[in-house]
Amino acid sequence: MVLATGCATSRVARKPLTQEEVIQLAKAQTPDSEIVQRIKASGTVYRLSAVEILRLHDCGVSSNVIDFMLQDYVEAVRWQERERWGPAWYYYGPYCYWHWPHRHCW
């Protein structure tokens, strides 16, 4: 019982970095690399709408940071899909093939 609770409490919850905080960092002229590093450290992934992208840009967030936020979301979705469908794919040399997990060819 102690081991189970020890593992459950050892996870540290990271506080997400809000869009407002990203804007405040940009207004404080924080370098892009530092803003990106803070986003990575927080583990926040942004699913930005067109309106949010325009708002971030109008509030002074650089294109580099916005591009990172967009690309990070794409990578998160790709990772999620790989986790979901990973066992169904197999690789042979440089090629990738689909395999139905419960279908057997005898």
PDB file of N, CA and C in Angstrom:
ATOM      1  N   MET A   1       0.817  -1.181   0.000  1.00  0.00           N
ATOM      2  CA  MET A   1       0.000   0.000   0.000  1.00  0.00           C
ATOM      3  C   MET A   1       0.868   1.254   0.000  1.00  0.00           C
ATOM      4  N   VAL A   2       1.918   1.252   0.774  1.00  0.00           N
ATOM      5  CA  VAL A   2       2.795   2.416   0.854  1.00  0.00           C
ATOM      6  C   VAL A   2       3.472   2.655  -0.484  1.00  0.00           C
ATOM      7  N   LEU A   3       3.896   1.572  -1.144  1.00  0.00           N
ATOM      8  CA  LEU A   3       4.546   1.741  -2.436  1.00  0.00           C
ATOM      9  C   LEU A   3       3.591   2.323  -3.465  1.00  0.00           C
ATOM     10  N   ALA A   4       2.364   1.883  -3.442  1.00  0.00           N
ATOM     11  CA  ALA A   4       1.388   2.380  -4.415  1.00  0.00           C
ATOM     12  C   ALA A   4       1.124   3.865  -4.208  1.00  0.00           C
ATOM     13  N   THR A   5       0.983   4.292  -2.978  1.00  0.00           N
ATOM     14  CA  THR A   5       0.730   5.713  -2.732  1.00  0.00           C
ATOM     15  C   THR A   5       1.982   6.531  -2.966  1.00  0.00           C
ATOM     16  N   GLY A   6       3.136   5.956  -2.724  1.00  0.00           N
ATOM     17  CA  GLY A   6       4.384   6.670  -2.979  1.00  0.00           C
ATOM     18  C   GLY A   6       4.545   6.988  -4.449  1.00  0.00           C
ATOM     19  N   CYS A   7       4.195   6.032  -5.318  1.00  0.00           N
ATOM     20  CA  CYS A   7       4.295   6.275  -6.752  1.00  0.00           C
ATOM     21  C   CYS A   7       3.274   7.301  -7.202  1.00  0.00           C
ATOM     22  N   ALA A   8       2.102   7.252  -6.631  1.00  0.00           N
ATOM     23  CA  ALA A   8       1.048   8.170  -7.054  1.00  0.00           C
ATOM     24  C   ALA A   8       1.379   9.606  -6.659  1.00  0.00           C
ATOM     25  N   THR A   9       2.037   9.779  -5.529  1.00  0.00           N
ATOM     26  CA  THR A   9       2.325  11.134  -5.076  1.00  0.00           C
ATOM     27  C   THR A   9       3.659  11.648  -5.597  1.00  0.00           C
ATOM     28  N   SER A  10       4.468  10.796  -6.200  1.00  0.00           N
ATOM     29  CA  SER A  10       5.768  11.252  -6.672  1.00  0.00           C
ATOM     30  C   SER A  10       5.677  12.013  -7.990  1.00  0.00           C
ATOM     31  N   ARG A  11       4.530  11.925  -8.690  1.00  0.00           N
ATOM     32  CA  ARG A  11       4.356  12.679  -9.926  1.00  0.00           C
ATOM     33  C   ARG A  11       4.165  14.153  -9.593  1.00  0.00           C
ATOM     34  N   VAL A  12       4.910  14.986 -10.265  1.00  0.00           N
ATOM     35  CA  VAL A  12       4.801  16.414 -10.042  1.00  0.00           C
ATOM     36  C   VAL A  12       3.931  16.989 -11.152  1.00  0.00           C
ATOM     37  N   ALA A  13       2.838  17.604 -10.772  1.00  0.00           N
ATOM     38  CA  ALA A  13       1.952  18.229 -11.748  1.00  0.00           C
ATOM     39  C   ALA A  13       2.569  19.545 -12.193  1.00  0.00           C
ATOM     40  N   ARG A  14       2.699  19.693 -13.509  1.00  0.00           N
ATOM     41  CA  ARG A  14       3.246  20.937 -14.035  1.00  0.00           C
ATOM     42  C   ARG A  14       2.105  21.917 -14.301  1.00  0.00           C
ATOM     43  N   LYS A  15       2.352  23.155 -13.969  1.00  0.00           N
ATOM     44  CA  LYS A  15       1.355  24.191 -14.188  1.00  0.00           C
ATOM     45  C   LYS A  15       1.417  24.612 -15.652  1.00  0.00           C
ATOM     46  N   PRO A  16       0.276  24.580 -16.351  1.00  0.00           N
ATOM     47  CA  PRO A  16       0.299  24.992 -17.757  1.00  0.00           C
ATOM     48  C   PRO A  16       0.629  26.475 -17.891  1.00  0.00           C
ATOM     49  N   LEU A  17       1.262  26.809 -18.983  1.00  0.00           N
ATOM     50  CA  LEU A  17       1.586  28.191 -19.291  1.00  0.00           C
ATOM     51  C   LEU A  17       0.459  28.732 -20.174  1.00  0.00           C
ATOM     52  N   THR A  18      -0.308  29.663 -19.661  1.00  0.00           N
ATOM     53  CA  THR A  18      -1.469  30.167 -20.390  1.00  0.00           C
ATOM     54  C   THR A  18      -1.037  31.080 -21.535  1.00  0.00           C
ATOM     55  N   GLN A  19      -1.962  31.313 -22.448  1.00  0.00           N
ATOM     56  CA  GLN A  19      -1.688  32.248 -23.538  1.00  0.00           C
ATOM     57  C   GLN A  19      -1.426  33.647 -22.990  1.00  0.00           C
ATOM     58  N   GLU A  20      -2.136  34.005 -21.941  1.00  0.00           N
ATOM     59  CA  GLU A  20      -1.920  35.322 -21.325  1.00  0.00           C
ATOM     60  C   GLU A  20      -0.493  35.449 -20.788  1.00  0.00           C
ATOM     61  N   GLU A  21       0.015  34.376 -20.208  1.00  0.00           N
ATOM     62  CA  GLU A  21       1.394  34.410 -19.697  1.00  0.00           C
ATOM     63  C   GLU A  21       2.400  34.504 -20.841  1.00  0.00           C
ATOM     64  N   VAL A  22       2.110  33.834 -21.959  1.00  0.00           N
ATOM     65  CA  VAL A  22       2.985  33.935 -23.134  1.00  0.00           C
ATOM     66  C   VAL A  22       2.990  35.378 -23.632  1.00  0.00           C
ATOM     67  N   ILE A  23       1.817  36.008 -23.663  1.00  0.00           N
ATOM     68  CA  ILE A  23       1.723  37.408 -24.089  1.00  0.00           C
ATOM     69  C   ILE A  23       2.513  38.308 -23.144  1.00  0.00           C
ATOM     70  N   GLN A  24       2.392  38.075 -21.847  1.00  0.00           N
ATOM     71  CA  GLN A  24       3.133  38.888 -20.870  1.00  0.00           C
ATOM     72  C   GLN A  24       4.641  38.727 -21.039  1.00  0.00           C
ATOM     73  N   LEU A  25       5.072  37.501 -21.314  1.00  0.00           N
ATOM     74  CA  LEU A  25       6.502  37.275 -21.555  1.00  0.00           C
ATOM     75  C   LEU A  25       6.962  38.025 -22.798  1.00  0.00           C
ATOM     76  N   ALA A  26       6.137  37.994 -23.848  1.00  0.00           N
ATOM     77  CA  ALA A  26       6.495  38.702 -25.082  1.00  0.00           C
ATOM     78  C   ALA A  26       6.540  40.213 -24.850  1.00  0.00           C
ATOM     79  N   LYS A  27       5.580  40.738 -24.103  1.00  0.00           N
ATOM     80  CA  LYS A  27       5.557  42.175 -23.810  1.00  0.00           C
ATOM     81  C   LYS A  27       6.742  42.592 -22.949  1.00  0.00           C
ATOM     82  N   ALA A  28       7.250  41.677 -22.140  1.00  0.00           N
ATOM     83  CA  ALA A  28       8.427  41.953 -21.314  1.00  0.00           C
ATOM     84  C   ALA A  28       9.720  41.763 -22.104  1.00  0.00           C
ATOM     85  N   GLN A  29       9.581  41.531 -23.405  1.00  0.00           N
ATOM     86  CA  GLN A  29      10.710  41.343 -24.325  1.00  0.00           C
ATOM     87  C   GLN A  29      11.601  40.171 -23.928  1.00  0.00           C
ATOM     88  N   THR A  30      10.964  39.125 -23.453  1.00  0.00           N
ATOM     89  CA  THR A  30      11.681  37.886 -23.153  1.00  0.00           C
ATOM     90  C   THR A  30      12.103  37.266 -24.479  1.00  0.00           C
ATOM     91  N   PRO A  31      13.341  36.791 -24.581  1.00  0.00           N
ATOM     92  CA  PRO A  31      13.785  36.185 -25.844  1.00  0.00           C
ATOM     93  C   PRO A  31      12.894  34.990 -26.243  1.00  0.00           C
ATOM     94  N   ASP A  32      12.721  34.825 -27.541  1.00  0.00           N
ATOM     95  CA  ASP A  32      11.895  33.729 -28.059  1.00  0.00           C
ATOM     96  C   ASP A  32      12.336  32.375 -27.525  1.00  0.00           C
ATOM     97  N   SER A  33      13.645  32.178 -27.476  1.00  0.00           N
ATOM     98  CA  SER A  33      14.159  30.885 -27.021  1.00  0.00           C
ATOM     99  C   SER A  33      13.735  30.591 -25.582  1.00  0.00           C
ATOM    100  N   GLU A  34      13.690  31.615 -24.751  1.00  0.00           N
ATOM    101  CA  GLU A  34      13.278  31.419 -23.358  1.00  0.00           C
ATOM    102  C   GLU A  34      11.779  31.138 -23.255  1.00  0.00           C
ATOM    103  N   ILE A  35      10.979  31.820 -24.080  1.00  0.00           N
ATOM    104  CA  ILE A  35       9.537  31.565 -24.077  1.00  0.00           C
ATOM    105  C   ILE A  35       9.259  30.137 -24.516  1.00  0.00           C
ATOM    106  N   VAL A  36       9.932  29.705 -25.574  1.00  0.00           N
ATOM    107  CA  VAL A  36       9.767  28.326 -26.055  1.00  0.00           C
ATOM    108  C   VAL A  36      10.199  27.336 -24.985  1.00  0.00           C
ATOM    109  N   GLN A  37      11.290  27.621 -24.309  1.00  0.00           N
ATOM    110  CA  GLN A  37      11.772  26.736 -23.249  1.00  0.00           C
ATOM    111  C   GLN A  37      10.763  26.632 -22.115  1.00  0.00           C
ATOM    112  N   ARG A  38      10.139  27.741 -21.768  1.00  0.00           N
ATOM    113  CA  ARG A  38       9.116  27.725 -20.707  1.00  0.00           C
ATOM    114  C   ARG A  38       7.885  26.924 -21.135  1.00  0.00           C
ATOM    115  N   ILE A  39       7.515  27.052 -22.407  1.00  0.00           N
ATOM    116  CA  ILE A  39       6.389  26.268 -22.914  1.00  0.00           C
ATOM    117  C   ILE A  39       6.713  24.783 -22.820  1.00  0.00           C
ATOM    118  N   LYS A  40       7.912  24.405 -23.256  1.00  0.00           N
ATOM    119  CA  LYS A  40       8.334  22.998 -23.191  1.00  0.00           C
ATOM    120  C   LYS A  40       8.349  22.504 -21.745  1.00  0.00           C
ATOM    121  N   ALA A  41       8.910  23.308 -20.847  1.00  0.00           N
ATOM    122  CA  ALA A  41       9.020  22.897 -19.444  1.00  0.00           C
ATOM    123  C   ALA A  41       7.652  22.729 -18.796  1.00  0.00           C
ATOM    124  N   SER A  42       6.674  23.535 -19.240  1.00  0.00           N
ATOM    125  CA  SER A  42       5.337  23.430 -18.656  1.00  0.00           C
ATOM    126  C   SER A  42       4.560  22.240 -19.201  1.00  0.00           C
ATOM    127  N   GLY A  43       4.984  21.736 -20.355  1.00  0.00           N
ATOM    128  CA  GLY A  43       4.272  20.621 -20.971  1.00  0.00           C
ATOM    129  C   GLY A  43       2.959  21.047 -21.625  1.00  0.00           C
ATOM    130  N   THR A  44       2.773  22.348 -21.816  1.00  0.00           N
ATOM    131  CA  THR A  44       1.540  22.857 -22.402  1.00  0.00           C
ATOM    132  C   THR A  44       1.558  22.682 -23.912  1.00  0.00           C
ATOM    133  N   VAL A  45       0.443  22.197 -24.444  1.00  0.00           N
ATOM    134  CA  VAL A  45       0.258  22.092 -25.890  1.00  0.00           C
ATOM    135  C   VAL A  45      -0.962  22.937 -26.234  1.00  0.00           C
ATOM    136  N   TYR A  46      -0.796  23.824 -27.197  1.00  0.00           N
ATOM    137  CA  TYR A  46      -1.858  24.758 -27.563  1.00  0.00           C
ATOM    138  C   TYR A  46      -2.530  24.310 -28.856  1.00  0.00           C
ATOM    139  N   ARG A  47      -3.848  24.270 -28.829  1.00  0.00           N
ATOM    140  CA  ARG A  47      -4.631  24.043 -30.048  1.00  0.00           C
ATOM    141  C   ARG A  47      -5.222  25.402 -30.406  1.00  0.00           C
ATOM    142  N   LEU A  48      -4.477  26.132 -31.231  1.00  0.00           N
ATOM    143  CA  LEU A  48      -4.818  27.518 -31.507  1.00  0.00           C
ATOM    144  C   LEU A  48      -5.804  27.648 -32.666  1.00  0.00           C
ATOM    145  N   SER A  49      -6.794  28.484 -32.466  1.00  0.00           N
ATOM    146  CA  SER A  49      -7.702  28.828 -33.558  1.00  0.00           C
ATOM    147  C   SER A  49      -7.086  29.999 -34.331  1.00  0.00           C
ATOM    148  N   ALA A  50      -7.655  30.316 -35.488  1.00  0.00           N
ATOM    149  CA  ALA A  50      -7.163  31.436 -36.283  1.00  0.00           C
ATOM    150  C   ALA A  50      -7.270  32.740 -35.497  1.00  0.00           C
ATOM    151  N   VAL A  51      -8.342  32.909 -34.761  1.00  0.00           N
ATOM    152  CA  VAL A  51      -8.539  34.120 -33.963  1.00  0.00           C
ATOM    153  C   VAL A  51      -7.462  34.218 -32.878  1.00  0.00           C
ATOM    154  N   GLU A  52      -7.141  33.100 -32.243  1.00  0.00           N
ATOM    155  CA  GLU A  52      -6.112  33.113 -31.195  1.00  0.00           C
ATOM    156  C   GLU A  52      -4.738  33.421 -31.785  1.00  0.00           C
ATOM    157  N   ILE A  53      -4.453  32.894 -32.963  1.00  0.00           N
ATOM    158  CA  ILE A  53      -3.167  33.172 -33.623  1.00  0.00           C
ATOM    159  C   ILE A  53      -3.048  34.671 -33.901  1.00  0.00           C
ATOM    160  N   LEU A  54      -4.106  35.245 -34.454  1.00  0.00           N
ATOM    161  CA  LEU A  54      -4.095  36.684 -34.743  1.00  0.00           C
ATOM    162  C   LEU A  54      -3.960  37.507 -33.460  1.00  0.00           C
ATOM    163  N   ARG A  55      -4.641  37.086 -32.408  1.00  0.00           N
ATOM    164  CA  ARG A  55      -4.564  37.801 -31.128  1.00  0.00           C
ATOM    165  C   ARG A  55      -3.149  37.751 -30.556  1.00  0.00           C
ATOM    166  N   LEU A  56      -2.541  36.565 -30.583  1.00  0.00           N
ATOM    167  CA  LEU A  56      -1.168  36.444 -30.089  1.00  0.00           C
ATOM    168  C   LEU A  56      -0.235  37.354 -30.879  1.00  0.00           C
ATOM    169  N   HIS A  57      -0.388  37.342 -32.200  1.00  0.00           N
ATOM    170  CA  HIS A  57       0.464  38.170 -33.053  1.00  0.00           C
ATOM    171  C   HIS A  57       0.241  39.653 -32.765  1.00  0.00           C
ATOM    172  N   ASP A  58      -1.026  40.063 -32.654  1.00  0.00           N
ATOM    173  CA  ASP A  58      -1.340  41.464 -32.380  1.00  0.00           C
ATOM    174  C   ASP A  58      -0.845  41.917 -31.010  1.00  0.00           C
ATOM    175  N   CYS A  59      -0.715  40.975 -30.078  1.00  0.00           N
ATOM    176  CA  CYS A  59      -0.244  41.305 -28.725  1.00  0.00           C
ATOM    177  C   CYS A  59       1.277  41.254 -28.612  1.00  0.00           C
ATOM    178  N   GLY A  60       1.960  40.992 -29.724  1.00  0.00           N
ATOM    179  CA  GLY A  60       3.414  41.070 -29.718  1.00  0.00           C
ATOM    180  C   GLY A  60       4.166  39.751 -29.631  1.00  0.00           C
ATOM    181  N   VAL A  61       3.457  38.628 -29.665  1.00  0.00           N
ATOM    182  CA  VAL A  61       4.138  37.332 -29.649  1.00  0.00           C
ATOM    183  C   VAL A  61       4.740  37.113 -31.036  1.00  0.00           C
ATOM    184  N   SER A  62       6.007  36.751 -31.087  1.00  0.00           N
ATOM    185  CA  SER A  62       6.705  36.627 -32.365  1.00  0.00           C
ATOM    186  C   SER A  62       6.200  35.444 -33.184  1.00  0.00           C
ATOM    187  N   SER A  63       6.443  35.518 -34.468  1.00  0.00           N
ATOM    188  CA  SER A  63       6.074  34.429 -35.378  1.00  0.00           C
ATOM    189  C   SER A  63       6.799  33.135 -35.021  1.00  0.00           C
ATOM    190  N   ASN A  64       8.033  33.253 -34.528  1.00  0.00           N
ATOM    191  CA  ASN A  64       8.794  32.054 -34.144  1.00  0.00           C
ATOM    192  C   ASN A  64       8.098  31.297 -33.015  1.00  0.00           C
ATOM    193  N   VAL A  65       7.611  32.018 -32.024  1.00  0.00           N
ATOM    194  CA  VAL A  65       6.932  31.391 -30.891  1.00  0.00           C
ATOM    195  C   VAL A  65       5.595  30.802 -31.341  1.00  0.00           C
ATOM    196  N   ILE A  66       4.855  31.549 -32.150  1.00  0.00           N
ATOM    197  CA  ILE A  66       3.571  31.048 -32.639  1.00  0.00           C
ATOM    198  C   ILE A  66       3.780  29.811 -33.503  1.00  0.00           C
ATOM    199  N   ASP A  67       4.799  29.825 -34.365  1.00  0.00           N
ATOM    200  CA  ASP A  67       5.108  28.651 -35.184  1.00  0.00           C
ATOM    201  C   ASP A  67       5.434  27.445 -34.315  1.00  0.00           C
ATOM    202  N   PHE A  68       6.203  27.672 -33.232  1.00  0.00           N
ATOM    203  CA  PHE A  68       6.511  26.569 -32.326  1.00  0.00           C
ATOM    204  C   PHE A  68       5.236  26.016 -31.700  1.00  0.00           C
ATOM    205  N   MET A  69       4.354  26.896 -31.271  1.00  0.00           N
ATOM    206  CA  MET A  69       3.104  26.460 -30.626  1.00  0.00           C
ATOM    207  C   MET A  69       2.269  25.608 -31.595  1.00  0.00           C
ATOM    208  N   LEU A  70       2.196  26.032 -32.851  1.00  0.00           N
ATOM    209  CA  LEU A  70       1.442  25.280 -33.856  1.00  0.00           C
ATOM    210  C   LEU A  70       2.096  23.932 -34.149  1.00  0.00           C
ATOM    211  N   GLN A  71       3.414  23.936 -34.335  1.00  0.00           N
ATOM    212  CA  GLN A  71       4.123  22.696 -34.658  1.00  0.00           C
ATOM    213  C   GLN A  71       4.107  21.726 -33.481  1.00  0.00           C
ATOM    214  N   ASP A  72       4.175  22.255 -32.276  1.00  0.00           N
ATOM    215  CA  ASP A  72       4.131  21.404 -31.090  1.00  0.00           C
ATOM    216  C   ASP A  72       2.790  20.674 -30.996  1.00  0.00           C
ATOM    217  N   TYR A  73       1.714  21.352 -31.370  1.00  0.00           N
ATOM    218  CA  TYR A  73       0.396  20.699 -31.384  1.00  0.00           C
ATOM    219  C   TYR A  73       0.362  19.577 -32.412  1.00  0.00           C
ATOM    220  N   VAL A  74       0.913  19.843 -33.600  1.00  0.00           N
ATOM    221  CA  VAL A  74       0.954  18.811 -34.648  1.00  0.00           C
ATOM    222  C   VAL A  74       1.732  17.596 -34.151  1.00  0.00           C
ATOM    223  N   GLU A  75       2.866  17.829 -33.525  1.00  0.00           N
ATOM    224  CA  GLU A  75       3.674  16.724 -33.007  1.00  0.00           C
ATOM    225  C   GLU A  75       2.936  15.960 -31.913  1.00  0.00           C
ATOM    226  N   ALA A  76       2.194  16.653 -31.075  1.00  0.00           N
ATOM    227  CA  ALA A  76       1.432  15.989 -30.012  1.00  0.00           C
ATOM    228  C   ALA A  76       0.354  15.088 -30.609  1.00  0.00           C
ATOM    229  N   VAL A  77      -0.311  15.563 -31.650  1.00  0.00           N
ATOM    230  CA  VAL A  77      -1.333  14.744 -32.311  1.00  0.00           C
ATOM    231  C   VAL A  77      -0.692  13.536 -32.968  1.00  0.00           C
ATOM    232  N   ARG A  78       0.440  13.737 -33.624  1.00  0.00           N
ATOM    233  CA  ARG A  78       1.155  12.608 -34.258  1.00  0.00           C
ATOM    234  C   ARG A  78       1.554  11.577 -33.215  1.00  0.00           C
ATOM    235  N   TRP A  79       2.078  12.042 -32.092  1.00  0.00           N
ATOM    236  CA  TRP A  79       2.489  11.120 -31.038  1.00  0.00           C
ATOM    237  C   TRP A  79       1.292  10.332 -30.527  1.00  0.00           C
ATOM    238  N   GLN A  80       0.168  11.026 -30.343  1.00  0.00           N
ATOM    239  CA  GLN A  80      -1.042  10.369 -29.850  1.00  0.00           C
ATOM    240  C   GLN A  80      -1.523   9.310 -30.843  1.00  0.00           C
ATOM    241  N   GLU A  81      -1.474   9.619 -32.118  1.00  0.00           N
ATOM    242  CA  GLU A  81      -1.896   8.647 -33.130  1.00  0.00           C
ATOM    243  C   GLU A  81      -0.926   7.469 -33.216  1.00  0.00           C
ATOM    244  N   ARG A  82       0.366   7.740 -33.056  1.00  0.00           N
ATOM    245  CA  ARG A  82       1.336   6.625 -33.049  1.00  0.00           C
ATOM    246  C   ARG A  82       1.073   5.699 -31.883  1.00  0.00           C
ATOM    247  N   GLU A  83       0.755   6.276 -30.730  1.00  0.00           N
ATOM    248  CA  GLU A  83       0.438   5.456 -29.560  1.00  0.00           C
ATOM    249  C   GLU A  83      -0.826   4.643 -29.797  1.00  0.00           C
ATOM    250  N   ARG A  84      -1.778   5.244 -30.475  1.00  0.00           N
ATOM    251  CA  ARG A  84      -3.052   4.576 -30.730  1.00  0.00           C
ATOM    252  C   ARG A  84      -2.923   3.471 -31.764  1.00  0.00           C
ATOM    253  N   TRP A  85      -2.188   3.734 -32.839  1.00  0.00           N
ATOM    254  CA  TRP A  85      -2.111   2.785 -33.951  1.00  0.00           C
ATOM    255  C   TRP A  85      -0.752   2.098 -34.064  1.00  0.00           C
ATOM    256  N   GLY A  86       0.170   2.388 -33.176  1.00  0.00           N
ATOM    257  CA  GLY A  86       1.523   1.850 -33.255  1.00  0.00           C
ATOM    258  C   GLY A  86       1.609   0.350 -33.465  1.00  0.00           C
ATOM    259  N   PRO A  87       0.878  -0.454 -32.695  1.00  0.00           N
ATOM    260  CA  PRO A  87       0.993  -1.898 -32.876  1.00  0.00           C
ATOM    261  C   PRO A  87       0.488  -2.386 -34.231  1.00  0.00           C
ATOM    262  N   ALA A  88      -0.300  -1.563 -34.918  1.00  0.00           N
ATOM    263  CA  ALA A  88      -0.851  -1.988 -36.198  1.00  0.00           C
ATOM    264  C   ALA A  88       0.114  -1.735 -37.359  1.00  0.00           C
ATOM    265  N   TRP A  89       1.191  -1.015 -37.121  1.00  0.00           N
ATOM    266  CA  TRP A  89       2.163  -0.736 -38.178  1.00  0.00           C
ATOM    267  C   TRP A  89       3.410  -1.591 -37.973  1.00  0.00           C
ATOM    268  N   TYR A  90       4.001  -2.027 -39.060  1.00  0.00           N
ATOM    269  CA  TYR A  90       5.294  -2.676 -38.937  1.00  0.00           C
ATOM    270  C   TYR A  90       6.188  -2.170 -40.054  1.00  0.00           C
ATOM    271  N   TYR A  91       7.449  -2.317 -39.833  1.00  0.00           N
ATOM    272  CA  TYR A  91       8.429  -1.733 -40.740  1.00  0.00           C
ATOM    273  C   TYR A  91       9.273  -2.831 -41.376  1.00  0.00           C
ATOM    274  N   TYR A  92       9.526  -2.646 -42.655  1.00  0.00           N
ATOM    275  CA  TYR A  92      10.414  -3.549 -43.374  1.00  0.00           C
ATOM    276  C   TYR A  92      11.329  -2.672 -44.198  1.00  0.00           C
ATOM    277  N   GLY A  93      12.570  -2.574 -43.760  1.00  0.00           N
ATOM    278  CA  GLY A  93      13.503  -1.677 -44.434  1.00  0.00           C
ATOM    279  C   GLY A  93      13.012  -0.243 -44.299  1.00  0.00           C
ATOM    280  N   PRO A  94      13.034   0.503 -45.394  1.00  0.00           N
ATOM    281  CA  PRO A  94      12.581   1.893 -45.314  1.00  0.00           C
ATOM    282  C   PRO A  94      11.072   2.051 -45.462  1.00  0.00           C
ATOM    283  N   TYR A  95      10.354   0.929 -45.580  1.00  0.00           N
ATOM    284  CA  TYR A  95       8.919   1.000 -45.839  1.00  0.00           C
ATOM    285  C   TYR A  95       8.101   0.684 -44.593  1.00  0.00           C
ATOM    286  N   CYS A  96       6.911   1.226 -44.565  1.00  0.00           N
ATOM    287  CA  CYS A  96       6.007   1.034 -43.443  1.00  0.00           C
ATOM    288  C   CYS A  96       4.733   0.399 -43.970  1.00  0.00           C
ATOM    289  N   TYR A  97       4.254  -0.641 -43.303  1.00  0.00           N
ATOM    290  CA  TYR A  97       3.072  -1.368 -43.748  1.00  0.00           C
ATOM    291  C   TYR A  97       2.020  -1.404 -42.657  1.00  0.00           C
ATOM    292  N   TRP A  98       0.770  -1.392 -43.085  1.00  0.00           N
ATOM    293  CA  TRP A  98      -0.365  -1.515 -42.178  1.00  0.00           C
ATOM    294  C   TRP A  98      -0.639  -2.990 -41.946  1.00  0.00           C
ATOM    295  N   HIS A  99      -0.934  -3.340 -40.713  1.00  0.00           N
ATOM    296  CA  HIS A  99      -1.253  -4.723 -40.360  1.00  0.00           C
ATOM    297  C   HIS A  99      -2.458  -4.711 -39.441  1.00  0.00           C
ATOM    298  N   TRP A 100      -3.509  -5.420 -39.830  1.00  0.00           N
ATOM    299  CA  TRP A 100      -4.655  -5.545 -38.947  1.00  0.00           C
ATOM    300  C   TRP A 100      -4.300  -6.500 -37.826  1.00  0.00           C
ATOM    301  N   PRO A 101      -4.337  -6.061 -36.569  1.00  0.00           N
ATOM    302  CA  PRO A 101      -3.856  -6.882 -35.457  1.00  0.00           C
ATOM    303  C   PRO A 101      -4.556  -8.240 -35.320  1.00  0.00           C
ATOM    304  N   HIS A 102      -5.837  -8.343 -35.656  1.00  0.00           N
ATOM    305  CA  HIS A 102      -6.554  -9.593 -35.433  1.00  0.00           C
ATOM    306  C   HIS A 102      -6.792 -10.380 -36.720  1.00  0.00           C
ATOM    307  N   ARG A 103      -6.101 -10.020 -37.753  1.00  0.00           N
ATOM    308  CA  ARG A 103      -6.273 -10.720 -39.023  1.00  0.00           C
ATOM    309  C   ARG A 103      -5.043 -11.571 -39.281  1.00  0.00           C
ATOM    310  N   HIS A 104      -5.256 -12.822 -39.534  1.00  0.00           N
ATOM    311  CA  HIS A 104      -4.122 -13.725 -39.767  1.00  0.00           C
ATOM    312  C   HIS A 104      -4.228 -14.329 -41.150  1.00  0.00           C
ATOM    313  N   CYS A 105      -3.122 -14.461 -41.798  1.00  0.00           N
ATOM    314  CA  CYS A 105      -3.054 -15.138 -43.088  1.00  0.00           C
ATOM    315  C   CYS A 105      -2.419 -16.493 -42.867  1.00  0.00           C
ATOM    316  N   TRP A 106      -3.147 -17.562 -43.155  1.00  0.00           N
ATOM    317  CA  TRP A 106      -2.626 -18.909 -42.933  1.00  0.00           C
ATOM    318  C   TRP A 106      -2.195 -19.535 -44.207  1.00  0.00           C
TER     319      TRP A 106
END
